[in-house]
Amino acid sequence: MPYGLRNGVTTTVAGMYTFDVVAIDAGGESGSAPVTITVTPLSAVKLFLSASPATLVAGAVSTITVSATDQYDNVVPTANGSVVLFADNGGAFGATLLTLVSGTQTTTLTKSSAGVVHVAAAAVSDALMPAEINVTFTSPDVTDVSVTQIAA
């Protein structure tokens, strides 16, 4: 196939990629060389939330991460706006107003009793789509019960 690509390459994942490019001339002679390209994120269009862990024992701490992402879910490192977090059902954040640094920021979430906490994030001034996740707090397992008899 003269003057064209034999194998096309498409990616939407930001990062650095190295390819071996092979050229064959009309006489059948060939040559190759590595070519490195960098795919950068597009503009931020939405927020993304994650919780680690997403299921935990009541009273424990989950780390909540909020990121500004492009349409392909790549974190946009130039996004440095403010984000406000909301939680229901007794969830408590370490901080509710976050400023993104290189497109990402974290806080903590706790809950003293079992239940599901619905977490939502909204950009304060940027027109980014909001994000939502659920974090489940479970009852502590009762695995070590001891009974002591008190003498009368």
N, C-alpha and C. Protein backbone atom coordinates (compact mmCIF):
# COMPACT_ATOMS: atom_id res chain seq x y z
N MET A 1 0.85 -1.16 0.00
CA MET A 1 0.00 0.00 0.00
C MET A 1 0.91 1.24 0.00
N PRO A 2 1.18 1.81 -1.14
CA PRO A 2 2.07 2.96 -1.19
C PRO A 2 1.42 4.20 -0.59
N TYR A 3 2.26 5.02 0.01
CA TYR A 3 1.86 6.30 0.56
C TYR A 3 0.70 6.21 1.55
N GLY A 4 0.68 5.21 2.37
CA GLY A 4 -0.41 5.08 3.33
C GLY A 4 0.02 4.26 4.52
N LEU A 5 -0.88 4.15 5.44
CA LEU A 5 -0.62 3.35 6.63
C LEU A 5 -1.13 1.94 6.41
N ARG A 6 -0.30 0.99 6.73
CA ARG A 6 -0.73 -0.40 6.65
C ARG A 6 -1.52 -0.74 7.92
N ASN A 7 -1.04 -0.28 9.04
CA ASN A 7 -1.71 -0.52 10.32
C ASN A 7 -1.93 0.82 10.99
N GLY A 8 -3.18 1.20 11.18
CA GLY A 8 -3.50 2.46 11.85
C GLY A 8 -3.45 2.29 13.36
N VAL A 9 -3.18 3.36 14.05
CA VAL A 9 -3.13 3.34 15.51
C VAL A 9 -4.02 4.45 16.03
N THR A 10 -4.89 4.10 16.97
CA THR A 10 -5.76 5.09 17.60
C THR A 10 -5.73 4.85 19.10
N THR A 11 -5.60 5.93 19.87
CA THR A 11 -5.69 5.81 21.32
C THR A 11 -6.33 7.06 21.89
N THR A 12 -7.04 6.87 22.98
CA THR A 12 -7.63 8.00 23.70
C THR A 12 -7.07 8.09 25.11
N VAL A 13 -6.09 7.24 25.41
CA VAL A 13 -5.49 7.21 26.74
C VAL A 13 -4.24 8.08 26.74
N ALA A 14 -4.23 9.09 27.61
CA ALA A 14 -3.09 9.99 27.68
C ALA A 14 -1.85 9.22 28.12
N GLY A 15 -0.72 9.59 27.57
CA GLY A 15 0.55 8.96 27.93
C GLY A 15 1.55 9.07 26.80
N MET A 16 2.70 8.45 26.99
CA MET A 16 3.75 8.45 25.99
C MET A 16 3.81 7.07 25.35
N TYR A 17 3.86 7.03 24.03
CA TYR A 17 3.86 5.78 23.28
C TYR A 17 5.02 5.77 22.31
N THR A 18 5.69 4.63 22.20
CA THR A 18 6.78 4.46 21.24
C THR A 18 6.39 3.37 20.25
N PHE A 19 6.55 3.67 18.97
CA PHE A 19 6.22 2.74 17.89
C PHE A 19 7.44 2.55 17.01
N ASP A 20 7.56 1.39 16.42
CA ASP A 20 8.55 1.17 15.37
C ASP A 20 7.87 1.43 14.04
N VAL A 21 8.38 2.40 13.31
CA VAL A 21 7.82 2.75 12.01
C VAL A 21 8.71 2.13 10.94
N VAL A 22 8.10 1.40 10.02
CA VAL A 22 8.82 0.74 8.94
C VAL A 22 8.37 1.36 7.62
N ALA A 23 9.33 1.75 6.81
CA ALA A 23 9.04 2.30 5.48
C ALA A 23 9.64 1.37 4.44
N ILE A 24 8.87 1.13 3.38
CA ILE A 24 9.34 0.28 2.27
C ILE A 24 9.18 1.09 0.99
N ASP A 25 10.29 1.23 0.27
CA ASP A 25 10.21 2.01 -0.96
C ASP A 25 9.76 1.13 -2.12
N ALA A 26 9.61 1.76 -3.30
CA ALA A 26 9.10 1.04 -4.48
C ALA A 26 10.02 -0.09 -4.90
N GLY A 27 11.32 -0.02 -4.56
CA GLY A 27 12.26 -1.07 -4.92
C GLY A 27 12.32 -2.19 -3.90
N GLY A 28 11.53 -2.10 -2.84
CA GLY A 28 11.49 -3.14 -1.83
C GLY A 28 12.47 -2.94 -0.69
N GLU A 29 13.26 -1.88 -0.75
CA GLU A 29 14.18 -1.57 0.34
C GLU A 29 13.37 -1.02 1.53
N SER A 30 13.80 -1.41 2.73
CA SER A 30 13.05 -0.96 3.90
C SER A 30 13.99 -0.36 4.93
N GLY A 31 13.41 0.43 5.78
CA GLY A 31 14.11 1.01 6.91
C GLY A 31 13.12 1.20 8.04
N SER A 32 13.62 1.22 9.25
CA SER A 32 12.72 1.41 10.38
C SER A 32 13.38 2.32 11.41
N ALA A 33 12.53 2.93 12.21
CA ALA A 33 13.01 3.80 13.28
C ALA A 33 11.92 3.89 14.35
N PRO A 34 12.34 4.00 15.61
CA PRO A 34 11.33 4.20 16.65
C PRO A 34 10.84 5.65 16.64
N VAL A 35 9.55 5.81 16.86
CA VAL A 35 8.93 7.13 16.93
C VAL A 35 8.15 7.19 18.21
N THR A 36 8.36 8.25 18.99
CA THR A 36 7.63 8.42 20.24
C THR A 36 6.65 9.58 20.10
N ILE A 37 5.41 9.32 20.50
CA ILE A 37 4.41 10.38 20.51
C ILE A 37 3.85 10.51 21.93
N THR A 38 3.40 11.70 22.24
CA THR A 38 2.77 11.95 23.53
C THR A 38 1.33 12.36 23.30
N VAL A 39 0.41 11.65 23.93
CA VAL A 39 -1.01 11.97 23.87
C VAL A 39 -1.35 12.72 25.14
N THR A 40 -1.84 13.94 24.99
CA THR A 40 -2.18 14.76 26.16
C THR A 40 -3.69 14.81 26.32
N PRO A 41 -4.16 15.00 27.57
CA PRO A 41 -5.61 15.09 27.79
C PRO A 41 -6.21 16.30 27.08
N LEU A 42 -7.47 16.18 26.76
CA LEU A 42 -8.23 17.30 26.22
C LEU A 42 -8.64 18.21 27.37
N SER A 43 -9.50 19.16 27.12
CA SER A 43 -10.01 20.03 28.17
C SER A 43 -10.88 19.24 29.14
N ALA A 44 -10.89 19.66 30.39
CA ALA A 44 -11.73 19.01 31.40
C ALA A 44 -13.20 19.25 31.09
N VAL A 45 -14.00 18.18 31.19
CA VAL A 45 -15.44 18.30 30.94
C VAL A 45 -16.28 17.74 32.08
N LYS A 46 -15.65 16.96 32.98
CA LYS A 46 -16.43 16.34 34.05
C LYS A 46 -15.54 16.04 35.24
N LEU A 47 -16.22 15.79 36.37
CA LEU A 47 -15.53 15.36 37.57
C LEU A 47 -15.63 13.85 37.68
N PHE A 48 -14.66 13.27 38.36
CA PHE A 48 -14.66 11.83 38.61
C PHE A 48 -14.37 11.62 40.09
N LEU A 49 -15.15 10.76 40.74
CA LEU A 49 -14.97 10.45 42.16
C LEU A 49 -14.57 8.99 42.33
N SER A 50 -13.69 8.74 43.30
CA SER A 50 -13.39 7.37 43.69
C SER A 50 -13.24 7.32 45.20
N ALA A 51 -13.46 6.15 45.77
CA ALA A 51 -13.33 5.94 47.21
C ALA A 51 -12.46 4.73 47.45
N SER A 52 -11.53 4.85 48.38
CA SER A 52 -10.67 3.72 48.71
C SER A 52 -10.52 3.61 50.22
N PRO A 53 -11.10 2.57 50.80
CA PRO A 53 -11.95 1.57 50.16
C PRO A 53 -13.38 2.11 49.97
N ALA A 54 -14.14 1.45 49.09
CA ALA A 54 -15.52 1.84 48.85
C ALA A 54 -16.48 1.13 49.79
N THR A 55 -16.01 0.05 50.41
CA THR A 55 -16.77 -0.66 51.44
C THR A 55 -15.85 -0.84 52.64
N LEU A 56 -16.30 -0.40 53.81
CA LEU A 56 -15.46 -0.45 55.00
C LEU A 56 -16.32 -0.51 56.25
N VAL A 57 -15.69 -0.80 57.35
CA VAL A 57 -16.38 -0.92 58.64
C VAL A 57 -16.70 0.48 59.16
N ALA A 58 -17.88 0.63 59.74
CA ALA A 58 -18.27 1.91 60.35
C ALA A 58 -17.19 2.35 61.32
N GLY A 59 -16.88 3.64 61.28
CA GLY A 59 -15.83 4.20 62.14
C GLY A 59 -14.48 4.26 61.46
N ALA A 60 -14.30 3.52 60.36
CA ALA A 60 -13.04 3.55 59.61
C ALA A 60 -13.05 4.73 58.65
N VAL A 61 -11.92 4.94 57.98
CA VAL A 61 -11.76 6.10 57.11
C VAL A 61 -11.58 5.66 55.66
N SER A 62 -12.34 6.27 54.77
CA SER A 62 -12.18 6.06 53.34
C SER A 62 -11.55 7.31 52.74
N THR A 63 -10.63 7.13 51.80
CA THR A 63 -10.04 8.26 51.10
C THR A 63 -10.86 8.54 49.85
N ILE A 64 -11.36 9.75 49.75
CA ILE A 64 -12.16 10.17 48.60
C ILE A 64 -11.26 10.99 47.69
N THR A 65 -11.20 10.61 46.42
CA THR A 65 -10.41 11.33 45.43
C THR A 65 -11.34 11.91 44.39
N VAL A 66 -11.18 13.20 44.10
CA VAL A 66 -11.95 13.86 43.05
C VAL A 66 -10.96 14.36 42.01
N SER A 67 -11.29 14.11 40.74
CA SER A 67 -10.43 14.52 39.64
C SER A 67 -11.25 15.18 38.55
N ALA A 68 -10.64 16.13 37.85
CA ALA A 68 -11.23 16.71 36.66
C ALA A 68 -10.71 15.90 35.47
N THR A 69 -11.63 15.40 34.64
CA THR A 69 -11.23 14.53 33.54
C THR A 69 -11.76 15.03 32.20
N ASP A 70 -11.12 14.56 31.14
CA ASP A 70 -11.61 14.87 29.80
C ASP A 70 -12.67 13.85 29.41
N GLN A 71 -13.14 13.92 28.19
CA GLN A 71 -14.22 13.03 27.76
C GLN A 71 -13.80 11.57 27.71
N TYR A 72 -12.49 11.30 27.77
CA TYR A 72 -11.99 9.92 27.75
C TYR A 72 -11.51 9.45 29.12
N ASP A 73 -11.87 10.19 30.17
CA ASP A 73 -11.53 9.86 31.56
C ASP A 73 -10.05 10.03 31.90
N ASN A 74 -9.31 10.80 31.11
CA ASN A 74 -7.94 11.15 31.45
C ASN A 74 -7.97 12.32 32.43
N VAL A 75 -7.18 12.26 33.49
CA VAL A 75 -7.08 13.39 34.42
C VAL A 75 -6.42 14.55 33.69
N VAL A 76 -6.99 15.74 33.84
CA VAL A 76 -6.48 16.94 33.18
C VAL A 76 -5.62 17.72 34.18
N PRO A 77 -4.30 17.64 34.04
CA PRO A 77 -3.42 18.24 35.05
C PRO A 77 -3.47 19.76 35.11
N THR A 78 -4.03 20.42 34.11
CA THR A 78 -4.14 21.88 34.14
C THR A 78 -5.40 22.35 34.85
N ALA A 79 -6.27 21.44 35.26
CA ALA A 79 -7.51 21.81 35.96
C ALA A 79 -7.19 22.04 37.43
N ASN A 80 -7.38 23.26 37.89
CA ASN A 80 -7.05 23.63 39.26
C ASN A 80 -8.18 24.39 39.94
N GLY A 81 -9.41 24.11 39.56
CA GLY A 81 -10.56 24.80 40.13
C GLY A 81 -10.97 24.24 41.49
N SER A 82 -12.01 24.83 42.05
CA SER A 82 -12.54 24.40 43.35
C SER A 82 -13.72 23.47 43.15
N VAL A 83 -13.81 22.50 44.08
CA VAL A 83 -14.87 21.50 44.05
C VAL A 83 -15.49 21.43 45.44
N VAL A 84 -16.81 21.36 45.50
CA VAL A 84 -17.50 21.18 46.78
C VAL A 84 -18.07 19.77 46.83
N LEU A 85 -17.94 19.12 48.00
CA LEU A 85 -18.42 17.77 48.20
C LEU A 85 -19.65 17.76 49.11
N PHE A 86 -20.54 16.84 48.84
CA PHE A 86 -21.75 16.67 49.64
C PHE A 86 -21.85 15.19 50.04
N ALA A 87 -22.34 14.94 51.25
CA ALA A 87 -22.57 13.57 51.71
C ALA A 87 -23.88 13.53 52.48
N ASP A 88 -24.59 12.40 52.38
CA ASP A 88 -25.82 12.24 53.14
C ASP A 88 -25.65 11.12 54.16
N ASN A 89 -26.70 10.82 54.89
CA ASN A 89 -26.79 9.66 55.76
C ASN A 89 -25.68 9.59 56.82
N GLY A 90 -25.26 10.75 57.32
CA GLY A 90 -24.30 10.77 58.41
C GLY A 90 -22.85 10.70 58.02
N GLY A 91 -22.54 10.82 56.73
CA GLY A 91 -21.15 10.83 56.28
C GLY A 91 -20.49 12.15 56.63
N ALA A 92 -19.24 12.10 57.06
CA ALA A 92 -18.51 13.31 57.45
C ALA A 92 -17.18 13.37 56.71
N PHE A 93 -16.93 14.48 56.02
CA PHE A 93 -15.68 14.69 55.29
C PHE A 93 -14.64 15.35 56.17
N GLY A 94 -13.37 15.11 55.83
CA GLY A 94 -12.28 15.87 56.43
C GLY A 94 -12.33 17.31 55.94
N ALA A 95 -12.68 17.51 54.68
CA ALA A 95 -12.86 18.84 54.08
C ALA A 95 -13.95 18.72 53.02
N THR A 96 -14.78 19.76 52.90
CA THR A 96 -15.86 19.73 51.91
C THR A 96 -15.58 20.64 50.73
N LEU A 97 -14.68 21.60 50.87
CA LEU A 97 -14.29 22.48 49.77
C LEU A 97 -12.85 22.16 49.42
N LEU A 98 -12.63 21.67 48.21
CA LEU A 98 -11.30 21.25 47.78
C LEU A 98 -10.84 22.09 46.60
N THR A 99 -9.55 22.35 46.52
CA THR A 99 -8.95 22.99 45.36
C THR A 99 -8.11 21.93 44.65
N LEU A 100 -8.45 21.69 43.40
CA LEU A 100 -7.72 20.69 42.63
C LEU A 100 -6.29 21.16 42.40
N VAL A 101 -5.36 20.24 42.56
CA VAL A 101 -3.95 20.49 42.28
C VAL A 101 -3.54 19.48 41.20
N SER A 102 -3.13 19.99 40.06
CA SER A 102 -2.82 19.12 38.90
C SER A 102 -4.00 18.21 38.56
N GLY A 103 -5.20 18.74 38.73
CA GLY A 103 -6.42 18.03 38.33
C GLY A 103 -7.02 17.10 39.36
N THR A 104 -6.39 16.96 40.54
CA THR A 104 -6.85 15.97 41.53
C THR A 104 -6.71 16.52 42.95
N GLN A 105 -7.57 16.02 43.84
CA GLN A 105 -7.46 16.33 45.26
C GLN A 105 -8.14 15.22 46.06
N THR A 106 -7.71 15.06 47.31
CA THR A 106 -8.29 14.02 48.16
C THR A 106 -8.77 14.61 49.48
N THR A 107 -9.68 13.89 50.11
CA THR A 107 -10.13 14.17 51.46
C THR A 107 -10.53 12.82 52.08
N THR A 108 -11.01 12.86 53.29
CA THR A 108 -11.42 11.63 53.96
C THR A 108 -12.92 11.64 54.21
N LEU A 109 -13.48 10.45 54.37
CA LEU A 109 -14.90 10.28 54.68
C LEU A 109 -15.02 9.26 55.79
N THR A 110 -15.80 9.58 56.81
CA THR A 110 -16.07 8.65 57.90
C THR A 110 -17.56 8.61 58.18
N LYS A 111 -17.97 7.55 58.86
CA LYS A 111 -19.36 7.40 59.31
C LYS A 111 -19.31 6.50 60.53
N SER A 112 -20.00 6.90 61.59
CA SER A 112 -19.91 6.16 62.85
C SER A 112 -20.85 4.96 62.93
N SER A 113 -21.77 4.82 61.99
CA SER A 113 -22.70 3.69 62.02
C SER A 113 -22.80 3.06 60.63
N ALA A 114 -23.36 1.87 60.57
CA ALA A 114 -23.50 1.18 59.29
C ALA A 114 -24.49 1.91 58.39
N GLY A 115 -24.25 1.85 57.08
CA GLY A 115 -25.14 2.45 56.11
C GLY A 115 -24.40 2.89 54.87
N VAL A 116 -25.15 3.29 53.86
CA VAL A 116 -24.57 3.75 52.60
C VAL A 116 -24.56 5.28 52.60
N VAL A 117 -23.41 5.85 52.27
CA VAL A 117 -23.27 7.30 52.14
C VAL A 117 -23.19 7.63 50.65
N HIS A 118 -24.11 8.48 50.21
CA HIS A 118 -24.09 8.96 48.83
C HIS A 118 -23.20 10.20 48.80
N VAL A 119 -22.15 10.17 47.99
CA VAL A 119 -21.19 11.27 47.89
C VAL A 119 -21.36 11.92 46.52
N ALA A 120 -21.41 13.25 46.50
CA ALA A 120 -21.52 14.00 45.25
C ALA A 120 -20.47 15.10 45.24
N ALA A 121 -19.98 15.40 44.05
CA ALA A 121 -18.99 16.47 43.86
C ALA A 121 -19.48 17.39 42.75
N ALA A 122 -19.34 18.70 42.97
CA ALA A 122 -19.72 19.69 41.97
C ALA A 122 -18.64 20.76 41.89
N ALA A 123 -18.34 21.20 40.67
CA ALA A 123 -17.38 22.27 40.48
C ALA A 123 -18.01 23.59 40.94
N VAL A 124 -17.20 24.42 41.59
CA VAL A 124 -17.71 25.70 42.10
C VAL A 124 -17.91 26.70 40.97
N SER A 125 -16.93 26.85 40.09
CA SER A 125 -17.07 27.87 39.05
C SER A 125 -16.91 27.33 37.63
N ASP A 126 -16.29 26.18 37.47
CA ASP A 126 -16.12 25.61 36.14
C ASP A 126 -17.37 24.86 35.72
N ALA A 127 -17.61 24.80 34.43
CA ALA A 127 -18.79 24.09 33.91
C ALA A 127 -18.45 22.62 33.69
N LEU A 128 -18.15 21.91 34.77
CA LEU A 128 -17.83 20.49 34.69
C LEU A 128 -19.02 19.67 35.16
N MET A 129 -19.28 18.55 34.50
CA MET A 129 -20.36 17.67 34.93
C MET A 129 -20.04 17.14 36.31
N PRO A 130 -21.03 17.12 37.22
CA PRO A 130 -20.79 16.61 38.58
C PRO A 130 -20.59 15.10 38.58
N ALA A 131 -20.14 14.59 39.72
CA ALA A 131 -19.91 13.15 39.87
C ALA A 131 -20.56 12.65 41.14
N GLU A 132 -20.89 11.37 41.18
CA GLU A 132 -21.52 10.76 42.35
C GLU A 132 -21.00 9.34 42.54
N ILE A 133 -20.86 8.92 43.79
CA ILE A 133 -20.53 7.54 44.14
C ILE A 133 -21.21 7.19 45.45
N ASN A 134 -21.26 5.90 45.76
CA ASN A 134 -21.75 5.42 47.05
C ASN A 134 -20.60 4.76 47.80
N VAL A 135 -20.54 5.01 49.09
CA VAL A 135 -19.57 4.38 49.96
C VAL A 135 -20.36 3.63 51.03
N THR A 136 -20.06 2.35 51.20
CA THR A 136 -20.82 1.52 52.13
C THR A 136 -20.03 1.28 53.41
N PHE A 137 -20.64 1.63 54.52
CA PHE A 137 -20.06 1.36 55.84
C PHE A 137 -20.83 0.19 56.44
N THR A 138 -20.12 -0.83 56.87
CA THR A 138 -20.75 -2.04 57.40
C THR A 138 -20.62 -2.08 58.92
N SER A 139 -21.43 -2.94 59.53
CA SER A 139 -21.32 -3.15 60.98
C SER A 139 -20.05 -3.92 61.27
N PRO A 140 -19.39 -3.61 62.38
CA PRO A 140 -18.20 -4.38 62.73
C PRO A 140 -18.58 -5.84 62.99
N ASP A 141 -17.74 -6.75 62.53
CA ASP A 141 -17.96 -8.18 62.79
C ASP A 141 -17.67 -8.45 64.26
N VAL A 142 -18.49 -9.26 64.84
CA VAL A 142 -18.26 -9.68 66.22
C VAL A 142 -17.59 -11.04 66.13
N THR A 143 -16.28 -11.06 66.32
CA THR A 143 -15.54 -12.32 66.18
C THR A 143 -14.91 -12.78 67.48
N ASP A 144 -14.80 -11.90 68.44
CA ASP A 144 -14.14 -12.29 69.70
C ASP A 144 -15.05 -11.87 70.85
N VAL A 145 -15.81 -12.82 71.31
CA VAL A 145 -16.72 -12.57 72.43
C VAL A 145 -16.26 -13.41 73.59
N SER A 146 -16.08 -12.78 74.72
CA SER A 146 -15.71 -13.55 75.90
C SER A 146 -16.74 -13.26 77.00
N VAL A 147 -17.00 -14.27 77.77
CA VAL A 147 -17.97 -14.15 78.87
C VAL A 147 -17.21 -14.39 80.17
N THR A 148 -17.40 -13.50 81.08
CA THR A 148 -16.77 -13.64 82.38
C THR A 148 -17.86 -13.81 83.43
N GLN A 149 -17.74 -14.85 84.19
CA GLN A 149 -18.73 -15.11 85.24
C GLN A 149 -18.30 -14.34 86.49
N ILE A 150 -19.24 -13.62 87.01
CA ILE A 150 -18.96 -12.89 88.23
C ILE A 150 -19.51 -13.70 89.41
N ALA A 151 -18.63 -13.95 90.35
CA ALA A 151 -19.04 -14.76 91.52
C ALA A 151 -20.04 -13.96 92.35
N ALA A 152 -21.01 -14.68 92.84
CA ALA A 152 -22.05 -14.04 93.65
C ALA A 152 -21.62 -13.87 95.08
